[in-house]
Amino acid sequence: EKYYLLASERGDIGSLNSLGLYYHTIVKDYALAEKYYLMACEAKDNNGHTNANAPNNLAILYETIYNNYTLAEKYYLLACEAGNHDAMNNLANYYKNIQQDYLLSAKYYLMARNI
């Protein structure tokens, strides 16, 4: 935690996502996990790129912990737009199991497979 915090203070956007994961999966402090995931979603590196894993992880938090499916879908889509194939698979599962939209589910399964 200490080193992730130091790295994030120095502008390392990956450490923000790592802090989110730490608070989400180890500490189980979901409010802090959400805070760091959101910071990671908004942060950009020197080349203007964002962390494609952060919105996927945030979507998982919203779907599995908060049962906020609207926000889960939003962040899965952001991660998909960034090319995250895990998010494509997760979104396909979301559409299949939660929305029961099998056409959209198939679309994202195929997108994940083609990467």
PDB file of N, CA and C in Angstrom:
ATOM      1  N   GLU A   1       0.831  -1.187   0.000  1.00  0.00           N
ATOM      2  CA  GLU A   1       0.000   0.000   0.000  1.00  0.00           C
ATOM      3  C   GLU A   1       0.878   1.254   0.000  1.00  0.00           C
ATOM      4  N   LYS A   2       1.864   1.252   0.863  1.00  0.00           N
ATOM      5  CA  LYS A   2       2.741   2.425   0.993  1.00  0.00           C
ATOM      6  C   LYS A   2       3.400   2.770  -0.344  1.00  0.00           C
ATOM      7  N   TYR A   3       3.900   1.754  -1.028  1.00  0.00           N
ATOM      8  CA  TYR A   3       4.619   2.003  -2.273  1.00  0.00           C
ATOM      9  C   TYR A   3       3.682   2.364  -3.419  1.00  0.00           C
ATOM     10  N   TYR A   4       2.491   1.806  -3.409  1.00  0.00           N
ATOM     11  CA  TYR A   4       1.499   2.220  -4.400  1.00  0.00           C
ATOM     12  C   TYR A   4       1.122   3.685  -4.204  1.00  0.00           C
ATOM     13  N   LEU A   5       0.961   4.088  -2.952  1.00  0.00           N
ATOM     14  CA  LEU A   5       0.644   5.486  -2.666  1.00  0.00           C
ATOM     15  C   LEU A   5       1.767   6.405  -3.119  1.00  0.00           C
ATOM     16  N   LEU A   6       3.006   6.009  -2.842  1.00  0.00           N
ATOM     17  CA  LEU A   6       4.152   6.814  -3.282  1.00  0.00           C
ATOM     18  C   LEU A   6       4.199   6.917  -4.801  1.00  0.00           C
ATOM     19  N   ALA A   7       3.987   5.803  -5.457  1.00  0.00           N
ATOM     20  CA  ALA A   7       4.013   5.800  -6.928  1.00  0.00           C
ATOM     21  C   ALA A   7       2.886   6.648  -7.499  1.00  0.00           C
ATOM     22  N   SER A   8       1.713   6.571  -6.885  1.00  0.00           N
ATOM     23  CA  SER A   8       0.588   7.355  -7.397  1.00  0.00           C
ATOM     24  C   SER A   8       0.835   8.850  -7.219  1.00  0.00           C
ATOM     25  N   GLU A   9       1.497   9.212  -6.131  1.00  0.00           N
ATOM     26  CA  GLU A   9       1.833  10.622  -5.908  1.00  0.00           C
ATOM     27  C   GLU A   9       2.842  11.123  -6.939  1.00  0.00           C
ATOM     28  N   ARG A  10       3.591  10.211  -7.516  1.00  0.00           N
ATOM     29  CA  ARG A  10       4.578  10.569  -8.542  1.00  0.00           C
ATOM     30  C   ARG A  10       4.011  10.446  -9.959  1.00  0.00           C
ATOM     31  N   GLY A  11       2.699  10.212 -10.048  1.00  0.00           N
ATOM     32  CA  GLY A  11       2.051  10.212 -11.353  1.00  0.00           C
ATOM     33  C   GLY A  11       1.918   8.863 -12.025  1.00  0.00           C
ATOM     34  N   ASP A  12       2.211   7.781 -11.336  1.00  0.00           N
ATOM     35  CA  ASP A  12       2.070   6.449 -11.923  1.00  0.00           C
ATOM     36  C   ASP A  12       0.596   6.040 -11.891  1.00  0.00           C
ATOM     37  N   ILE A  13      -0.053   6.017 -13.072  1.00  0.00           N
ATOM     38  CA  ILE A  13      -1.493   5.744 -13.096  1.00  0.00           C
ATOM     39  C   ILE A  13      -1.802   4.275 -12.814  1.00  0.00           C
ATOM     40  N   GLY A  14      -0.884   3.386 -13.117  1.00  0.00           N
ATOM     41  CA  GLY A  14      -1.094   1.974 -12.821  1.00  0.00           C
ATOM     42  C   GLY A  14      -1.220   1.713 -11.333  1.00  0.00           C
ATOM     43  N   SER A  15      -0.513   2.501 -10.532  1.00  0.00           N
ATOM     44  CA  SER A  15      -0.573   2.307  -9.087  1.00  0.00           C
ATOM     45  C   SER A  15      -1.950   2.680  -8.530  1.00  0.00           C
ATOM     46  N   LEU A  16      -2.644   3.594  -9.185  1.00  0.00           N
ATOM     47  CA  LEU A  16      -4.005   3.936  -8.751  1.00  0.00           C
ATOM     48  C   LEU A  16      -4.926   2.727  -8.903  1.00  0.00           C
ATOM     49  N   ASN A  17      -4.819   2.042 -10.025  1.00  0.00           N
ATOM     50  CA  ASN A  17      -5.598   0.827 -10.238  1.00  0.00           C
ATOM     51  C   ASN A  17      -5.189  -0.249  -9.237  1.00  0.00           C
ATOM     52  N   SER A  18      -3.889  -0.354  -8.978  1.00  0.00           N
ATOM     53  CA  SER A  18      -3.409  -1.343  -8.010  1.00  0.00           C
ATOM     54  C   SER A  18      -3.937  -1.055  -6.607  1.00  0.00           C
ATOM     55  N   LEU A  19      -4.011   0.210  -6.250  1.00  0.00           N
ATOM     56  CA  LEU A  19      -4.601   0.571  -4.962  1.00  0.00           C
ATOM     57  C   LEU A  19      -6.075   0.181  -4.918  1.00  0.00           C
ATOM     58  N   GLY A  20      -6.775   0.417  -6.012  1.00  0.00           N
ATOM     59  CA  GLY A  20      -8.171  -0.007  -6.081  1.00  0.00           C
ATOM     60  C   GLY A  20      -8.313  -1.503  -5.871  1.00  0.00           C
ATOM     61  N   LEU A  21      -7.473  -2.268  -6.545  1.00  0.00           N
ATOM     62  CA  LEU A  21      -7.493  -3.724  -6.381  1.00  0.00           C
ATOM     63  C   LEU A  21      -7.178  -4.130  -4.946  1.00  0.00           C
ATOM     64  N   TYR A  22      -6.204  -3.475  -4.356  1.00  0.00           N
ATOM     65  CA  TYR A  22      -5.808  -3.769  -2.983  1.00  0.00           C
ATOM     66  C   TYR A  22      -6.979  -3.561  -2.022  1.00  0.00           C
ATOM     67  N   TYR A  23      -7.628  -2.402  -2.136  1.00  0.00           N
ATOM     68  CA  TYR A  23      -8.744  -2.122  -1.237  1.00  0.00           C
ATOM     69  C   TYR A  23      -9.973  -2.973  -1.559  1.00  0.00           C
ATOM     70  N   HIS A  24     -10.146  -3.330  -2.815  1.00  0.00           N
ATOM     71  CA  HIS A  24     -11.285  -4.139  -3.249  1.00  0.00           C
ATOM     72  C   HIS A  24     -11.143  -5.588  -2.790  1.00  0.00           C
ATOM     73  N   THR A  25      -9.992  -6.183  -3.049  1.00  0.00           N
ATOM     74  CA  THR A  25      -9.854  -7.627  -2.868  1.00  0.00           C
ATOM     75  C   THR A  25      -9.200  -8.045  -1.558  1.00  0.00           C
ATOM     76  N   ILE A  26      -8.378  -7.187  -0.975  1.00  0.00           N
ATOM     77  CA  ILE A  26      -7.658  -7.578   0.236  1.00  0.00           C
ATOM     78  C   ILE A  26      -8.261  -6.924   1.474  1.00  0.00           C
ATOM     79  N   VAL A  27      -8.374  -5.605   1.448  1.00  0.00           N
ATOM     80  CA  VAL A  27      -8.867  -4.869   2.615  1.00  0.00           C
ATOM     81  C   VAL A  27     -10.397  -4.921   2.698  1.00  0.00           C
ATOM     82  N   LYS A  28     -11.052  -5.059   1.559  1.00  0.00           N
ATOM     83  CA  LYS A  28     -12.523  -5.058   1.463  1.00  0.00           C
ATOM     84  C   LYS A  28     -13.121  -3.704   1.863  1.00  0.00           C
ATOM     85  N   ASP A  29     -12.373  -2.641   1.609  1.00  0.00           N
ATOM     86  CA  ASP A  29     -12.877  -1.283   1.816  1.00  0.00           C
ATOM     87  C   ASP A  29     -13.332  -0.791   0.441  1.00  0.00           C
ATOM     88  N   TYR A  30     -14.608  -1.019   0.151  1.00  0.00           N
ATOM     89  CA  TYR A  30     -15.123  -0.784  -1.192  1.00  0.00           C
ATOM     90  C   TYR A  30     -15.204   0.689  -1.552  1.00  0.00           C
ATOM     91  N   ALA A  31     -15.414   1.540  -0.574  1.00  0.00           N
ATOM     92  CA  ALA A  31     -15.440   2.979  -0.852  1.00  0.00           C
ATOM     93  C   ALA A  31     -14.074   3.458  -1.300  1.00  0.00           C
ATOM     94  N   LEU A  32     -13.011   2.992  -0.645  1.00  0.00           N
ATOM     95  CA  LEU A  32     -11.657   3.371  -1.078  1.00  0.00           C
ATOM     96  C   LEU A  32     -11.307   2.733  -2.413  1.00  0.00           C
ATOM     97  N   ALA A  33     -11.741   1.512  -2.621  1.00  0.00           N
ATOM     98  CA  ALA A  33     -11.514   0.864  -3.912  1.00  0.00           C
ATOM     99  C   ALA A  33     -12.143   1.685  -5.025  1.00  0.00           C
ATOM    100  N   GLU A  34     -13.390   2.091  -4.824  1.00  0.00           N
ATOM    101  CA  GLU A  34     -14.090   2.907  -5.820  1.00  0.00           C
ATOM    102  C   GLU A  34     -13.345   4.213  -6.062  1.00  0.00           C
ATOM    103  N   LYS A  35     -12.888   4.854  -4.997  1.00  0.00           N
ATOM    104  CA  LYS A  35     -12.161   6.119  -5.111  1.00  0.00           C
ATOM    105  C   LYS A  35     -10.932   5.959  -6.003  1.00  0.00           C
ATOM    106  N   TYR A  36     -10.120   4.940  -5.750  1.00  0.00           N
ATOM    107  CA  TYR A  36      -8.896   4.775  -6.529  1.00  0.00           C
ATOM    108  C   TYR A  36      -9.167   4.289  -7.947  1.00  0.00           C
ATOM    109  N   TYR A  37     -10.178   3.448  -8.127  1.00  0.00           N
ATOM    110  CA  TYR A  37     -10.544   3.054  -9.483  1.00  0.00           C
ATOM    111  C   TYR A  37     -10.980   4.273 -10.293  1.00  0.00           C
ATOM    112  N   LEU A  38     -11.809   5.127  -9.689  1.00  0.00           N
ATOM    113  CA  LEU A  38     -12.257   6.329 -10.397  1.00  0.00           C
ATOM    114  C   LEU A  38     -11.085   7.239 -10.738  1.00  0.00           C
ATOM    115  N   MET A  39     -10.167   7.397  -9.800  1.00  0.00           N
ATOM    116  CA  MET A  39      -8.973   8.210 -10.076  1.00  0.00           C
ATOM    117  C   MET A  39      -8.173   7.607 -11.230  1.00  0.00           C
ATOM    118  N   ALA A  40      -8.050   6.280 -11.245  1.00  0.00           N
ATOM    119  CA  ALA A  40      -7.307   5.602 -12.314  1.00  0.00           C
ATOM    120  C   ALA A  40      -8.025   5.739 -13.651  1.00  0.00           C
ATOM    121  N   CYS A  41      -9.354   5.737 -13.634  1.00  0.00           N
ATOM    122  CA  CYS A  41     -10.120   5.897 -14.881  1.00  0.00           C
ATOM    123  C   CYS A  41      -9.913   7.283 -15.487  1.00  0.00           C
ATOM    124  N   GLU A  42      -9.752   8.278 -14.637  1.00  0.00           N
ATOM    125  CA  GLU A  42      -9.624   9.655 -15.105  1.00  0.00           C
ATOM    126  C   GLU A  42      -8.185  10.051 -15.432  1.00  0.00           C
ATOM    127  N   ALA A  43      -7.220   9.360 -14.845  1.00  0.00           N
ATOM    128  CA  ALA A  43      -5.802   9.732 -15.018  1.00  0.00           C
ATOM    129  C   ALA A  43      -5.296   9.329 -16.404  1.00  0.00           C
ATOM    130  N   LYS A  44      -4.357  10.104 -16.888  1.00  0.00           N
ATOM    131  CA  LYS A  44      -3.710   9.811 -18.174  1.00  0.00           C
ATOM    132  C   LYS A  44      -2.197   9.843 -17.985  1.00  0.00           C
ATOM    133  N   ASP A  45      -1.524   8.977 -18.730  1.00  0.00           N
ATOM    134  CA  ASP A  45      -0.069   8.992 -18.670  1.00  0.00           C
ATOM    135  C   ASP A  45       0.480  10.117 -19.549  1.00  0.00           C
ATOM    136  N   ASN A  46       1.780  10.179 -19.683  1.00  0.00           N
ATOM    137  CA  ASN A  46       2.411  11.260 -20.458  1.00  0.00           C
ATOM    138  C   ASN A  46       2.022  11.251 -21.932  1.00  0.00           C
ATOM    139  N   ASN A  47       1.567  10.099 -22.425  1.00  0.00           N
ATOM    140  CA  ASN A  47       1.146   9.993 -23.816  1.00  0.00           C
ATOM    141  C   ASN A  47      -0.362  10.168 -23.994  1.00  0.00           C
ATOM    142  N   GLY A  48      -1.049  10.490 -22.914  1.00  0.00           N
ATOM    143  CA  GLY A  48      -2.491  10.700 -22.985  1.00  0.00           C
ATOM    144  C   GLY A  48      -3.310   9.434 -22.900  1.00  0.00           C
ATOM    145  N   HIS A  49      -2.678   8.308 -22.560  1.00  0.00           N
ATOM    146  CA  HIS A  49      -3.391   7.041 -22.456  1.00  0.00           C
ATOM    147  C   HIS A  49      -3.930   6.841 -21.040  1.00  0.00           C
ATOM    148  N   THR A  50      -5.050   6.148 -20.961  1.00  0.00           N
ATOM    149  CA  THR A  50      -5.625   5.799 -19.668  1.00  0.00           C
ATOM    150  C   THR A  50      -5.319   4.339 -19.353  1.00  0.00           C
ATOM    151  N   ASN A  51      -5.618   3.931 -18.139  1.00  0.00           N
ATOM    152  CA  ASN A  51      -5.434   2.549 -17.728  1.00  0.00           C
ATOM    153  C   ASN A  51      -6.687   1.777 -18.131  1.00  0.00           C
ATOM    154  N   ALA A  52      -6.561   0.841 -19.063  1.00  0.00           N
ATOM    155  CA  ALA A  52      -7.719   0.102 -19.580  1.00  0.00           C
ATOM    156  C   ALA A  52      -8.269  -0.905 -18.572  1.00  0.00           C
ATOM    157  N   ASN A  53      -7.479  -1.248 -17.556  1.00  0.00           N
ATOM    158  CA  ASN A  53      -7.947  -2.209 -16.556  1.00  0.00           C
ATOM    159  C   ASN A  53      -8.829  -1.569 -15.500  1.00  0.00           C
ATOM    160  N   ALA A  54      -8.593  -0.300 -15.198  1.00  0.00           N
ATOM    161  CA  ALA A  54      -9.329   0.364 -14.119  1.00  0.00           C
ATOM    162  C   ALA A  54     -10.844   0.386 -14.348  1.00  0.00           C
ATOM    163  N   PRO A  55     -11.335   0.759 -15.534  1.00  0.00           N
ATOM    164  CA  PRO A  55     -12.796   0.754 -15.700  1.00  0.00           C
ATOM    165  C   PRO A  55     -13.394  -0.652 -15.609  1.00  0.00           C
ATOM    166  N   ASN A  56     -12.648  -1.656 -16.056  1.00  0.00           N
ATOM    167  CA  ASN A  56     -13.126  -3.035 -15.926  1.00  0.00           C
ATOM    168  C   ASN A  56     -13.238  -3.420 -14.454  1.00  0.00           C
ATOM    169  N   ASN A  57     -12.206  -3.104 -13.685  1.00  0.00           N
ATOM    170  CA  ASN A  57     -12.229  -3.430 -12.257  1.00  0.00           C
ATOM    171  C   ASN A  57     -13.330  -2.659 -11.527  1.00  0.00           C
ATOM    172  N   LEU A  58     -13.521  -1.414 -11.912  1.00  0.00           N
ATOM    173  CA  LEU A  58     -14.586  -0.617 -11.311  1.00  0.00           C
ATOM    174  C   LEU A  58     -15.953  -1.210 -11.651  1.00  0.00           C
ATOM    175  N   ALA A  59     -16.114  -1.639 -12.885  1.00  0.00           N
ATOM    176  CA  ALA A  59     -17.375  -2.266 -13.300  1.00  0.00           C
ATOM    177  C   ALA A  59     -17.648  -3.530 -12.491  1.00  0.00           C
ATOM    178  N   ILE A  60     -16.617  -4.316 -12.255  1.00  0.00           N
ATOM    179  CA  ILE A  60     -16.770  -5.527 -11.439  1.00  0.00           C
ATOM    180  C   ILE A  60     -17.243  -5.155 -10.035  1.00  0.00           C
ATOM    181  N   LEU A  61     -16.639  -4.114  -9.466  1.00  0.00           N
ATOM    182  CA  LEU A  61     -17.053  -3.637  -8.144  1.00  0.00           C
ATOM    183  C   LEU A  61     -18.521  -3.233  -8.152  1.00  0.00           C
ATOM    184  N   TYR A  62     -18.918  -2.446  -9.155  1.00  0.00           N
ATOM    185  CA  TYR A  62     -20.307  -2.003  -9.236  1.00  0.00           C
ATOM    186  C   TYR A  62     -21.263  -3.181  -9.432  1.00  0.00           C
ATOM    187  N   GLU A  63     -20.870  -4.135 -10.250  1.00  0.00           N
ATOM    188  CA  GLU A  63     -21.760  -5.264 -10.532  1.00  0.00           C
ATOM    189  C   GLU A  63     -21.861  -6.219  -9.343  1.00  0.00           C
ATOM    190  N   THR A  64     -20.739  -6.577  -8.751  1.00  0.00           N
ATOM    191  CA  THR A  64     -20.739  -7.657  -7.762  1.00  0.00           C
ATOM    192  C   THR A  64     -20.929  -7.196  -6.320  1.00  0.00           C
ATOM    193  N   ILE A  65     -20.505  -5.991  -6.001  1.00  0.00           N
ATOM    194  CA  ILE A  65     -20.602  -5.507  -4.622  1.00  0.00           C
ATOM    195  C   ILE A  65     -21.795  -4.581  -4.446  1.00  0.00           C
ATOM    196  N   TYR A  66     -21.922  -3.598  -5.331  1.00  0.00           N
ATOM    197  CA  TYR A  66     -22.978  -2.605  -5.190  1.00  0.00           C
ATOM    198  C   TYR A  66     -24.264  -2.955  -5.934  1.00  0.00           C
ATOM    199  N   ASN A  67     -24.210  -3.954  -6.813  1.00  0.00           N
ATOM    200  CA  ASN A  67     -25.359  -4.309  -7.650  1.00  0.00           C
ATOM    201  C   ASN A  67     -25.903  -3.100  -8.406  1.00  0.00           C
ATOM    202  N   ASN A  68     -24.990  -2.214  -8.806  1.00  0.00           N
ATOM    203  CA  ASN A  68     -25.360  -1.047  -9.599  1.00  0.00           C
ATOM    204  C   ASN A  68     -25.046  -1.379 -11.056  1.00  0.00           C
ATOM    205  N   TYR A  69     -26.037  -1.950 -11.706  1.00  0.00           N
ATOM    206  CA  TYR A  69     -25.825  -2.466 -13.052  1.00  0.00           C
ATOM    207  C   TYR A  69     -25.677  -1.373 -14.093  1.00  0.00           C
ATOM    208  N   THR A  70     -26.271  -0.234 -13.873  1.00  0.00           N
ATOM    209  CA  THR A  70     -26.125   0.886 -14.804  1.00  0.00           C
ATOM    210  C   THR A  70     -24.670   1.344 -14.854  1.00  0.00           C
ATOM    211  N   LEU A  71     -24.073   1.529 -13.678  1.00  0.00           N
ATOM    212  CA  LEU A  71     -22.667   1.944 -13.651  1.00  0.00           C
ATOM    213  C   LEU A  71     -21.739   0.816 -14.100  1.00  0.00           C
ATOM    214  N   ALA A  72     -22.087  -0.405 -13.780  1.00  0.00           N
ATOM    215  CA  ALA A  72     -21.266  -1.538 -14.238  1.00  0.00           C
ATOM    216  C   ALA A  72     -21.202  -1.545 -15.763  1.00  0.00           C
ATOM    217  N   GLU A  73     -22.351  -1.433 -16.405  1.00  0.00           N
ATOM    218  CA  GLU A  73     -22.385  -1.420 -17.867  1.00  0.00           C
ATOM    219  C   GLU A  73     -21.565  -0.254 -18.423  1.00  0.00           C
ATOM    220  N   LYS A  74     -21.729   0.920 -17.833  1.00  0.00           N
ATOM    221  CA  LYS A  74     -21.004   2.108 -18.289  1.00  0.00           C
ATOM    222  C   LYS A  74     -19.495   1.871 -18.273  1.00  0.00           C
ATOM    223  N   TYR A  75     -18.982   1.335 -17.189  1.00  0.00           N
ATOM    224  CA  TYR A  75     -17.533   1.163 -17.080  1.00  0.00           C
ATOM    225  C   TYR A  75     -17.023  -0.043 -17.859  1.00  0.00           C
ATOM    226  N   TYR A  76     -17.841  -1.087 -18.008  1.00  0.00           N
ATOM    227  CA  TYR A  76     -17.448  -2.166 -18.914  1.00  0.00           C
ATOM    228  C   TYR A  76     -17.290  -1.625 -20.330  1.00  0.00           C
ATOM    229  N   LEU A  77     -18.235  -0.787 -20.752  1.00  0.00           N
ATOM    230  CA  LEU A  77     -18.159  -0.205 -22.099  1.00  0.00           C
ATOM    231  C   LEU A  77     -16.920   0.670 -22.265  1.00  0.00           C
ATOM    232  N   LEU A  78     -16.589   1.461 -21.248  1.00  0.00           N
ATOM    233  CA  LEU A  78     -15.365   2.273 -21.316  1.00  0.00           C
ATOM    234  C   LEU A  78     -14.133   1.400 -21.472  1.00  0.00           C
ATOM    235  N   ALA A  79     -14.085   0.323 -20.713  1.00  0.00           N
ATOM    236  CA  ALA A  79     -12.941  -0.584 -20.805  1.00  0.00           C
ATOM    237  C   ALA A  79     -12.894  -1.272 -22.168  1.00  0.00           C
ATOM    238  N   CYS A  80     -14.061  -1.614 -22.700  1.00  0.00           N
ATOM    239  CA  CYS A  80     -14.109  -2.224 -24.036  1.00  0.00           C
ATOM    240  C   CYS A  80     -13.587  -1.265 -25.091  1.00  0.00           C
ATOM    241  N   GLU A  81     -13.993   0.001 -24.983  1.00  0.00           N
ATOM    242  CA  GLU A  81     -13.515   1.008 -25.939  1.00  0.00           C
ATOM    243  C   GLU A  81     -12.003   1.158 -25.876  1.00  0.00           C
ATOM    244  N   ALA A  82     -11.419   0.895 -24.716  1.00  0.00           N
ATOM    245  CA  ALA A  82      -9.966   0.972 -24.563  1.00  0.00           C
ATOM    246  C   ALA A  82      -9.286  -0.322 -25.001  1.00  0.00           C
ATOM    247  N   GLY A  83     -10.064  -1.301 -25.466  1.00  0.00           N
ATOM    248  CA  GLY A  83      -9.497  -2.541 -25.979  1.00  0.00           C
ATOM    249  C   GLY A  83      -9.274  -3.632 -24.948  1.00  0.00           C
ATOM    250  N   ASN A  84      -9.898  -3.532 -23.802  1.00  0.00           N
ATOM    251  CA  ASN A  84      -9.708  -4.529 -22.746  1.00  0.00           C
ATOM    252  C   ASN A  84     -10.579  -5.754 -23.043  1.00  0.00           C
ATOM    253  N   HIS A  85      -9.934  -6.870 -23.430  1.00  0.00           N
ATOM    254  CA  HIS A  85     -10.698  -8.062 -23.808  1.00  0.00           C
ATOM    255  C   HIS A  85     -11.354  -8.742 -22.606  1.00  0.00           C
ATOM    256  N   ASP A  86     -10.796  -8.588 -21.404  1.00  0.00           N
ATOM    257  CA  ASP A  86     -11.462  -9.117 -20.210  1.00  0.00           C
ATOM    258  C   ASP A  86     -12.797  -8.400 -19.998  1.00  0.00           C
ATOM    259  N   ALA A  87     -12.807  -7.090 -20.225  1.00  0.00           N
ATOM    260  CA  ALA A  87     -14.048  -6.321 -20.093  1.00  0.00           C
ATOM    261  C   ALA A  87     -15.069  -6.755 -21.137  1.00  0.00           C
ATOM    262  N   MET A  88     -14.618  -7.078 -22.332  1.00  0.00           N
ATOM    263  CA  MET A  88     -15.541  -7.544 -23.373  1.00  0.00           C
ATOM    264  C   MET A  88     -16.209  -8.836 -22.932  1.00  0.00           C
ATOM    265  N   ASN A  89     -15.417  -9.730 -22.362  1.00  0.00           N
ATOM    266  CA  ASN A  89     -15.959 -10.992 -21.870  1.00  0.00           C
ATOM    267  C   ASN A  89     -16.893 -10.745 -20.679  1.00  0.00           C
ATOM    268  N   ASN A  90     -16.486  -9.868 -19.774  1.00  0.00           N
ATOM    269  CA  ASN A  90     -17.332  -9.551 -18.619  1.00  0.00           C
ATOM    270  C   ASN A  90     -18.640  -8.902 -19.047  1.00  0.00           C
ATOM    271  N   LEU A  91     -18.561  -8.022 -20.037  1.00  0.00           N
ATOM    272  CA  LEU A  91     -19.773  -7.372 -20.533  1.00  0.00           C
ATOM    273  C   LEU A  91     -20.688  -8.392 -21.209  1.00  0.00           C
ATOM    274  N   ALA A  92     -20.105  -9.320 -21.933  1.00  0.00           N
ATOM    275  CA  ALA A  92     -20.905 -10.385 -22.541  1.00  0.00           C
ATOM    276  C   ALA A  92     -21.629 -11.192 -21.471  1.00  0.00           C
ATOM    277  N   ASN A  93     -20.920 -11.511 -20.396  1.00  0.00           N
ATOM    278  CA  ASN A  93     -21.562 -12.235 -19.288  1.00  0.00           C
ATOM    279  C   ASN A  93     -22.656 -11.401 -18.647  1.00  0.00           C
ATOM    280  N   TYR A  94     -22.402 -10.112 -18.500  1.00  0.00           N
ATOM    281  CA  TYR A  94     -23.397  -9.194 -17.936  1.00  0.00           C
ATOM    282  C   TYR A  94     -24.666  -9.202 -18.791  1.00  0.00           C
ATOM    283  N   TYR A  95     -24.488  -9.048 -20.116  1.00  0.00           N
ATOM    284  CA  TYR A  95     -25.659  -9.022 -20.994  1.00  0.00           C
ATOM    285  C   TYR A  95     -26.393 -10.362 -20.972  1.00  0.00           C
ATOM    286  N   LYS A  96     -25.650 -11.438 -20.892  1.00  0.00           N
ATOM    287  CA  LYS A  96     -26.276 -12.764 -20.871  1.00  0.00           C
ATOM    288  C   LYS A  96     -27.009 -13.026 -19.554  1.00  0.00           C
ATOM    289  N   ASN A  97     -26.338 -12.781 -18.439  1.00  0.00           N
ATOM    290  CA  ASN A  97     -26.872 -13.190 -17.140  1.00  0.00           C
ATOM    291  C   ASN A  97     -27.757 -12.154 -16.458  1.00  0.00           C
ATOM    292  N   ILE A  98     -27.472 -10.882 -16.655  1.00  0.00           N
ATOM    293  CA  ILE A  98     -28.228  -9.825 -15.976  1.00  0.00           C
ATOM    294  C   ILE A  98     -29.315  -9.266 -16.883  1.00  0.00           C
ATOM    295  N   GLN A  99     -28.929  -8.821 -18.073  1.00  0.00           N
ATOM    296  CA  GLN A  99     -29.895  -8.205 -18.992  1.00  0.00           C
ATOM    297  C   GLN A  99     -30.655  -9.233 -19.835  1.00  0.00           C
ATOM    298  N   GLN A 100     -30.106 -10.440 -19.922  1.00  0.00           N
ATOM    299  CA  GLN A 100     -30.656 -11.492 -20.775  1.00  0.00           C
ATOM    300  C   GLN A 100     -30.855 -11.016 -22.209  1.00  0.00           C
ATOM    301  N   ASP A 101     -29.872 -10.245 -22.670  1.00  0.00           N
ATOM    302  CA  ASP A 101     -29.832  -9.767 -24.054  1.00  0.00           C
ATOM    303  C   ASP A 101     -28.782 -10.617 -24.765  1.00  0.00           C
ATOM    304  N   TYR A 102     -29.248 -11.672 -25.408  1.00  0.00           N
ATOM    305  CA  TYR A 102     -28.335 -12.659 -25.968  1.00  0.00           C
ATOM    306  C   TYR A 102     -27.633 -12.180 -27.233  1.00  0.00           C
ATOM    307  N   LEU A 103     -28.246 -11.255 -27.951  1.00  0.00           N
ATOM    308  CA  LEU A 103     -27.580 -10.710 -29.133  1.00  0.00           C
ATOM    309  C   LEU A 103     -26.388  -9.838 -28.733  1.00  0.00           C
ATOM    310  N   LEU A 104     -26.592  -8.956 -27.766  1.00  0.00           N
ATOM    311  CA  LEU A 104     -25.466  -8.148 -27.290  1.00  0.00           C
ATOM    312  C   LEU A 104     -24.406  -9.018 -26.624  1.00  0.00           C
ATOM    313  N   SER A 105     -24.846 -10.019 -25.910  1.00  0.00           N
ATOM    314  CA  SER A 105     -23.911 -10.939 -25.285  1.00  0.00           C
ATOM    315  C   SER A 105     -23.017 -11.592 -26.346  1.00  0.00           C
ATOM    316  N   ALA A 106     -23.627 -12.081 -27.392  1.00  0.00           N
ATOM    317  CA  ALA A 106     -22.867 -12.728 -28.468  1.00  0.00           C
ATOM    318  C   ALA A 106     -21.900 -11.742 -29.118  1.00  0.00           C
ATOM    319  N   LYS A 107     -22.343 -10.514 -29.301  1.00  0.00           N
ATOM    320  CA  LYS A 107     -21.484  -9.484 -29.908  1.00  0.00           C
ATOM    321  C   LYS A 107     -20.193  -9.307 -29.110  1.00  0.00           C
ATOM    322  N   TYR A 108     -20.320  -9.203 -27.804  1.00  0.00           N
ATOM    323  CA  TYR A 108     -19.127  -8.957 -26.982  1.00  0.00           C
ATOM    324  C   TYR A 108     -18.293 -10.216 -26.774  1.00  0.00           C
ATOM    325  N   TYR A 109     -18.923 -11.390 -26.765  1.00  0.00           N
ATOM    326  CA  TYR A 109     -18.137 -12.621 -26.742  1.00  0.00           C
ATOM    327  C   TYR A 109     -17.267 -12.715 -27.990  1.00  0.00           C
ATOM    328  N   LEU A 110     -17.872 -12.380 -29.141  1.00  0.00           N
ATOM    329  CA  LEU A 110     -17.124 -12.419 -30.397  1.00  0.00           C
ATOM    330  C   LEU A 110     -16.024 -11.378 -30.424  1.00  0.00           C
ATOM    331  N   MET A 111     -16.299 -10.195 -29.918  1.00  0.00           N
ATOM    332  CA  MET A 111     -15.260  -9.142 -29.848  1.00  0.00           C
ATOM    333  C   MET A 111     -14.095  -9.609 -28.980  1.00  0.00           C
ATOM    334  N   ALA A 112     -14.397 -10.212 -27.859  1.00  0.00           N
ATOM    335  CA  ALA A 112     -13.335 -10.682 -26.950  1.00  0.00           C
ATOM    336  C   ALA A 112     -12.514 -11.784 -27.608  1.00  0.00           C
ATOM    337  N   ARG A 113     -13.160 -12.610 -28.371  1.00  0.00           N
ATOM    338  CA  ARG A 113     -12.477 -13.724 -29.029  1.00  0.00           C
ATOM    339  C   ARG A 113     -11.575 -13.270 -30.160  1.00  0.00           C
ATOM    340  N   ASN A 114     -11.944 -12.177 -30.815  1.00  0.00           N
ATOM    341  CA  ASN A 114     -11.189 -11.701 -31.978  1.00  0.00           C
ATOM    342  C   ASN A 114      -9.956 -10.903 -31.627  1.00  0.00           C
ATOM    343  N   ILE A 115      -9.734 -10.667 -30.353  1.00  0.00           N
ATOM    344  CA  ILE A 115      -8.547  -9.882 -29.968  1.00  0.00           C
ATOM    345  C   ILE A 115      -7.340 -10.769 -29.920  1.00  0.00           C
TER     346      ILE A 115
END
